C-alpha cells in the first residue's frame, strides 16, 4: 500500500473522529446521536480492517466473512440500543 493511501485513510479517520465529537455537541435526540456514533464506529473499524490490517489483500471469501461479521455485530449493537432506549414516534 502506498504512503498516499495510508495518509488519506488516516486523515479520513481523523476527520470522522472530529465529526463524532461535533455530533455529540449537536442538539439532537440521544437515539439519533448514539445510532450515528455506532454507524461511524463501524465505518471506522471497516477502514482500519481493510487498509491497515491488509484485509484488502486477502482472498475475497475471507474478507467477506470478516466484513459480514462486523455488519452483524453492528446490527446487534443497534438492536440492543433500541431495546434499552425505545424510540417513541
N, C-alpha and C. Protein backbone atom coordinates (compact mmCIF):
# COMPACT_ATOMS: atom_id res chain seq x y z
N UNK A 1 0.84 -1.17 0.00
CA UNK A 1 0.00 0.00 0.00
C UNK A 1 0.89 1.23 0.00
N UNK A 2 0.53 2.20 -0.80
CA UNK A 2 1.35 3.39 -0.92
C UNK A 2 1.13 4.32 0.29
N UNK A 3 2.08 5.18 0.49
CA UNK A 3 2.01 6.13 1.60
C UNK A 3 0.87 7.12 1.41
N UNK A 4 0.57 7.48 0.16
CA UNK A 4 -0.53 8.42 -0.09
C UNK A 4 -1.86 7.85 0.38
N UNK A 5 -2.09 6.59 0.09
CA UNK A 5 -3.34 5.95 0.51
C UNK A 5 -3.41 5.87 2.03
N UNK A 6 -2.30 5.49 2.66
CA UNK A 6 -2.27 5.39 4.12
C UNK A 6 -2.57 6.73 4.77
N UNK A 7 -1.97 7.78 4.26
CA UNK A 7 -2.19 9.12 4.81
C UNK A 7 -3.63 9.56 4.57
N UNK A 8 -4.17 9.26 3.40
CA UNK A 8 -5.55 9.64 3.09
C UNK A 8 -6.54 8.91 4.02
N UNK A 9 -6.32 7.63 4.25
CA UNK A 9 -7.20 6.87 5.14
C UNK A 9 -7.06 7.39 6.57
N UNK A 10 -5.83 7.68 6.99
CA UNK A 10 -5.60 8.21 8.33
C UNK A 10 -6.28 9.57 8.49
N UNK A 11 -6.19 10.42 7.48
CA UNK A 11 -6.86 11.72 7.53
C UNK A 11 -8.37 11.55 7.59
N UNK A 12 -8.90 10.57 6.87
CA UNK A 12 -10.33 10.29 6.91
C UNK A 12 -10.75 9.85 8.30
N UNK A 13 -9.94 9.01 8.94
CA UNK A 13 -10.25 8.56 10.30
C UNK A 13 -10.23 9.73 11.28
N UNK A 14 -9.27 10.62 11.12
CA UNK A 14 -9.21 11.81 11.99
C UNK A 14 -10.44 12.69 11.76
N UNK A 15 -10.81 12.88 10.50
CA UNK A 15 -12.00 13.70 10.19
C UNK A 15 -13.26 13.07 10.76
N UNK A 16 -13.37 11.76 10.68
CA UNK A 16 -14.54 11.08 11.23
C UNK A 16 -14.59 11.22 12.75
N UNK A 17 -13.43 11.14 13.39
CA UNK A 17 -13.38 11.33 14.84
C UNK A 17 -13.80 12.74 15.21
N UNK A 18 -13.33 13.72 14.45
CA UNK A 18 -13.75 15.11 14.69
C UNK A 18 -15.25 15.25 14.48
N UNK A 19 -15.78 14.56 13.47
CA UNK A 19 -17.22 14.58 13.22
C UNK A 19 -18.00 13.97 14.37
N UNK A 20 -17.46 12.91 14.96
CA UNK A 20 -18.11 12.30 16.12
C UNK A 20 -18.16 13.28 17.28
N UNK A 21 -17.06 13.97 17.52
CA UNK A 21 -17.02 14.94 18.60
C UNK A 21 -17.98 16.09 18.35
N UNK A 22 -18.08 16.52 17.11
CA UNK A 22 -19.03 17.59 16.77
C UNK A 22 -20.47 17.10 16.90
N UNK A 23 -20.71 15.85 16.56
CA UNK A 23 -22.05 15.28 16.63
C UNK A 23 -22.57 15.25 18.06
N UNK A 24 -21.68 14.99 19.01
CA UNK A 24 -22.08 14.93 20.41
C UNK A 24 -22.62 16.27 20.88
N UNK A 25 -22.07 17.36 20.37
CA UNK A 25 -22.46 18.69 20.82
C UNK A 25 -23.70 19.24 20.11
N UNK A 26 -24.24 18.52 19.14
CA UNK A 26 -25.45 18.97 18.46
C UNK A 26 -26.67 18.70 19.34
N UNK A 27 -27.69 19.47 19.13
CA UNK A 27 -28.90 19.30 19.93
C UNK A 27 -29.86 18.31 19.24
N UNK A 28 -29.42 17.09 19.16
CA UNK A 28 -30.23 16.01 18.59
C UNK A 28 -30.65 15.08 19.72
N UNK A 29 -31.60 14.22 19.43
CA UNK A 29 -32.02 13.26 20.46
C UNK A 29 -30.91 12.23 20.69
N UNK A 30 -30.93 11.66 21.87
CA UNK A 30 -29.91 10.68 22.23
C UNK A 30 -29.91 9.49 21.29
N UNK A 31 -31.09 9.08 20.83
CA UNK A 31 -31.19 7.94 19.92
C UNK A 31 -30.47 8.20 18.61
N UNK A 32 -30.65 9.38 18.07
CA UNK A 32 -30.01 9.73 16.80
C UNK A 32 -28.50 9.81 16.99
N UNK A 33 -28.06 10.41 18.07
CA UNK A 33 -26.62 10.56 18.31
C UNK A 33 -25.96 9.20 18.48
N UNK A 34 -26.53 8.36 19.32
CA UNK A 34 -25.91 7.06 19.59
C UNK A 34 -25.93 6.17 18.35
N UNK A 35 -27.03 6.17 17.62
CA UNK A 35 -27.10 5.36 16.40
C UNK A 35 -26.08 5.85 15.37
N UNK A 36 -25.93 7.16 15.26
CA UNK A 36 -24.93 7.72 14.33
C UNK A 36 -23.52 7.36 14.77
N UNK A 37 -23.26 7.42 16.07
CA UNK A 37 -21.92 7.08 16.57
C UNK A 37 -21.60 5.61 16.34
N UNK A 38 -22.59 4.75 16.51
CA UNK A 38 -22.38 3.32 16.24
C UNK A 38 -22.07 3.09 14.77
N UNK A 39 -22.81 3.77 13.90
CA UNK A 39 -22.55 3.65 12.46
C UNK A 39 -21.18 4.14 12.07
N UNK A 40 -20.79 5.30 12.61
CA UNK A 40 -19.45 5.84 12.32
C UNK A 40 -18.36 4.91 12.85
N UNK A 41 -18.58 4.33 14.03
CA UNK A 41 -17.60 3.40 14.58
C UNK A 41 -17.43 2.18 13.68
N UNK A 42 -18.54 1.71 13.11
CA UNK A 42 -18.47 0.58 12.19
C UNK A 42 -17.71 0.91 10.92
N UNK A 43 -17.94 2.10 10.39
CA UNK A 43 -17.22 2.53 9.19
C UNK A 43 -15.73 2.67 9.49
N UNK A 44 -15.41 3.24 10.64
CA UNK A 44 -14.00 3.39 11.02
C UNK A 44 -13.33 2.03 11.21
N UNK A 45 -14.03 1.10 11.85
CA UNK A 45 -13.49 -0.24 12.03
C UNK A 45 -13.26 -0.92 10.68
N UNK A 46 -14.18 -0.71 9.74
CA UNK A 46 -14.01 -1.30 8.40
C UNK A 46 -12.80 -0.71 7.70
N UNK A 47 -12.62 0.60 7.78
CA UNK A 47 -11.45 1.24 7.15
C UNK A 47 -10.15 0.70 7.75
N UNK A 48 -10.13 0.56 9.06
CA UNK A 48 -8.91 0.05 9.70
C UNK A 48 -8.64 -1.38 9.27
N UNK A 49 -9.69 -2.22 9.25
CA UNK A 49 -9.51 -3.62 8.86
C UNK A 49 -9.07 -3.73 7.41
N UNK A 50 -9.67 -2.94 6.53
CA UNK A 50 -9.37 -3.05 5.11
C UNK A 50 -7.97 -2.55 4.78
N UNK A 51 -7.61 -1.37 5.31
CA UNK A 51 -6.36 -0.75 4.88
C UNK A 51 -5.18 -1.04 5.80
N UNK A 52 -5.36 -0.98 7.11
CA UNK A 52 -4.21 -1.11 8.00
C UNK A 52 -3.95 -2.54 8.45
N UNK A 53 -4.91 -3.42 8.29
CA UNK A 53 -4.69 -4.83 8.60
C UNK A 53 -4.61 -5.65 7.31
N UNK A 54 -4.46 -4.96 6.20
CA UNK A 54 -4.25 -5.57 4.89
C UNK A 54 -5.33 -6.58 4.51
N UNK A 55 -6.55 -6.32 4.92
CA UNK A 55 -7.65 -7.21 4.58
C UNK A 55 -7.96 -7.16 3.09
N UNK A 56 -7.64 -6.03 2.45
CA UNK A 56 -7.94 -5.92 1.02
C UNK A 56 -7.05 -6.82 0.18
N UNK A 57 -5.94 -7.29 0.74
CA UNK A 57 -5.05 -8.19 0.01
C UNK A 57 -5.36 -9.66 0.26
N UNK A 58 -6.30 -9.94 1.16
CA UNK A 58 -6.69 -11.32 1.47
C UNK A 58 -7.67 -11.81 0.41
N UNK A 59 -7.88 -13.13 0.35
CA UNK A 59 -8.89 -13.65 -0.59
C UNK A 59 -10.27 -13.06 -0.30
N UNK A 60 -11.06 -12.91 -1.33
CA UNK A 60 -12.38 -12.28 -1.22
C UNK A 60 -13.27 -13.01 -0.19
N UNK A 61 -13.19 -14.34 -0.12
CA UNK A 61 -14.04 -15.09 0.81
C UNK A 61 -13.72 -14.71 2.26
N UNK A 62 -12.45 -14.60 2.61
CA UNK A 62 -12.07 -14.25 3.97
C UNK A 62 -12.49 -12.82 4.29
N UNK A 63 -12.30 -11.92 3.37
CA UNK A 63 -12.70 -10.53 3.57
C UNK A 63 -14.21 -10.44 3.76
N UNK A 64 -14.95 -11.17 2.98
CA UNK A 64 -16.41 -11.14 3.08
C UNK A 64 -16.89 -11.66 4.43
N UNK A 65 -16.28 -12.75 4.89
CA UNK A 65 -16.68 -13.31 6.18
C UNK A 65 -16.43 -12.31 7.29
N UNK A 66 -15.28 -11.67 7.29
CA UNK A 66 -14.97 -10.71 8.34
C UNK A 66 -15.86 -9.48 8.29
N UNK A 67 -16.13 -8.97 7.10
CA UNK A 67 -16.98 -7.78 6.99
C UNK A 67 -18.44 -8.10 7.30
N UNK A 68 -18.91 -9.29 6.94
CA UNK A 68 -20.27 -9.68 7.30
C UNK A 68 -20.38 -9.81 8.82
N UNK A 69 -19.36 -10.38 9.45
CA UNK A 69 -19.34 -10.47 10.91
C UNK A 69 -19.38 -9.11 11.58
N UNK A 70 -18.64 -8.16 11.02
CA UNK A 70 -18.66 -6.80 11.55
C UNK A 70 -20.05 -6.18 11.37
N UNK A 71 -20.67 -6.41 10.23
CA UNK A 71 -22.02 -5.89 10.00
C UNK A 71 -23.03 -6.48 10.97
N UNK A 72 -22.92 -7.77 11.22
CA UNK A 72 -23.84 -8.41 12.17
C UNK A 72 -23.62 -7.87 13.58
N UNK A 73 -22.37 -7.66 13.97
CA UNK A 73 -22.08 -7.10 15.29
C UNK A 73 -22.67 -5.70 15.42
N UNK A 74 -22.54 -4.88 14.37
CA UNK A 74 -23.13 -3.54 14.40
C UNK A 74 -24.65 -3.62 14.52
N UNK A 75 -25.27 -4.51 13.76
CA UNK A 75 -26.72 -4.67 13.80
C UNK A 75 -27.18 -5.08 15.20
N UNK A 76 -26.46 -6.00 15.83
CA UNK A 76 -26.82 -6.43 17.18
C UNK A 76 -26.67 -5.30 18.19
N UNK A 77 -25.63 -4.45 18.02
CA UNK A 77 -25.47 -3.31 18.92
C UNK A 77 -26.63 -2.33 18.76
N UNK A 78 -27.05 -2.09 17.53
CA UNK A 78 -28.16 -1.17 17.28
C UNK A 78 -29.45 -1.73 17.84
N UNK A 79 -29.70 -3.02 17.65
CA UNK A 79 -30.91 -3.64 18.19
C UNK A 79 -30.91 -3.57 19.72
N UNK A 80 -29.77 -3.84 20.33
CA UNK A 80 -29.67 -3.75 21.79
C UNK A 80 -29.94 -2.33 22.26
N UNK A 81 -29.37 -1.36 21.56
CA UNK A 81 -29.60 0.03 21.95
C UNK A 81 -31.07 0.39 21.84
N UNK A 82 -31.71 -0.04 20.77
CA UNK A 82 -33.13 0.29 20.60
C UNK A 82 -34.01 -0.39 21.62
N UNK A 83 -33.60 -1.56 22.13
CA UNK A 83 -34.36 -2.22 23.16
C UNK A 83 -34.19 -1.52 24.50
N UNK A 84 -33.01 -1.02 24.77
CA UNK A 84 -32.75 -0.34 26.03
C UNK A 84 -33.37 1.05 26.02
N UNK A 85 -33.30 1.73 24.87
CA UNK A 85 -33.83 3.08 24.72
C UNK A 85 -34.86 3.08 23.58
N UNK A 86 -36.10 2.68 23.86
CA UNK A 86 -37.09 2.61 22.78
C UNK A 86 -37.39 3.98 22.19
N UNK A 87 -37.63 3.99 20.89
CA UNK A 87 -37.96 5.21 20.17
C UNK A 87 -39.47 5.37 20.19
N UNK A 88 -39.94 6.53 20.63
CA UNK A 88 -41.37 6.81 20.67
C UNK A 88 -41.73 7.72 19.52
N UNK A 89 -42.53 7.22 18.62
CA UNK A 89 -42.95 8.02 17.47
C UNK A 89 -44.27 8.71 17.73
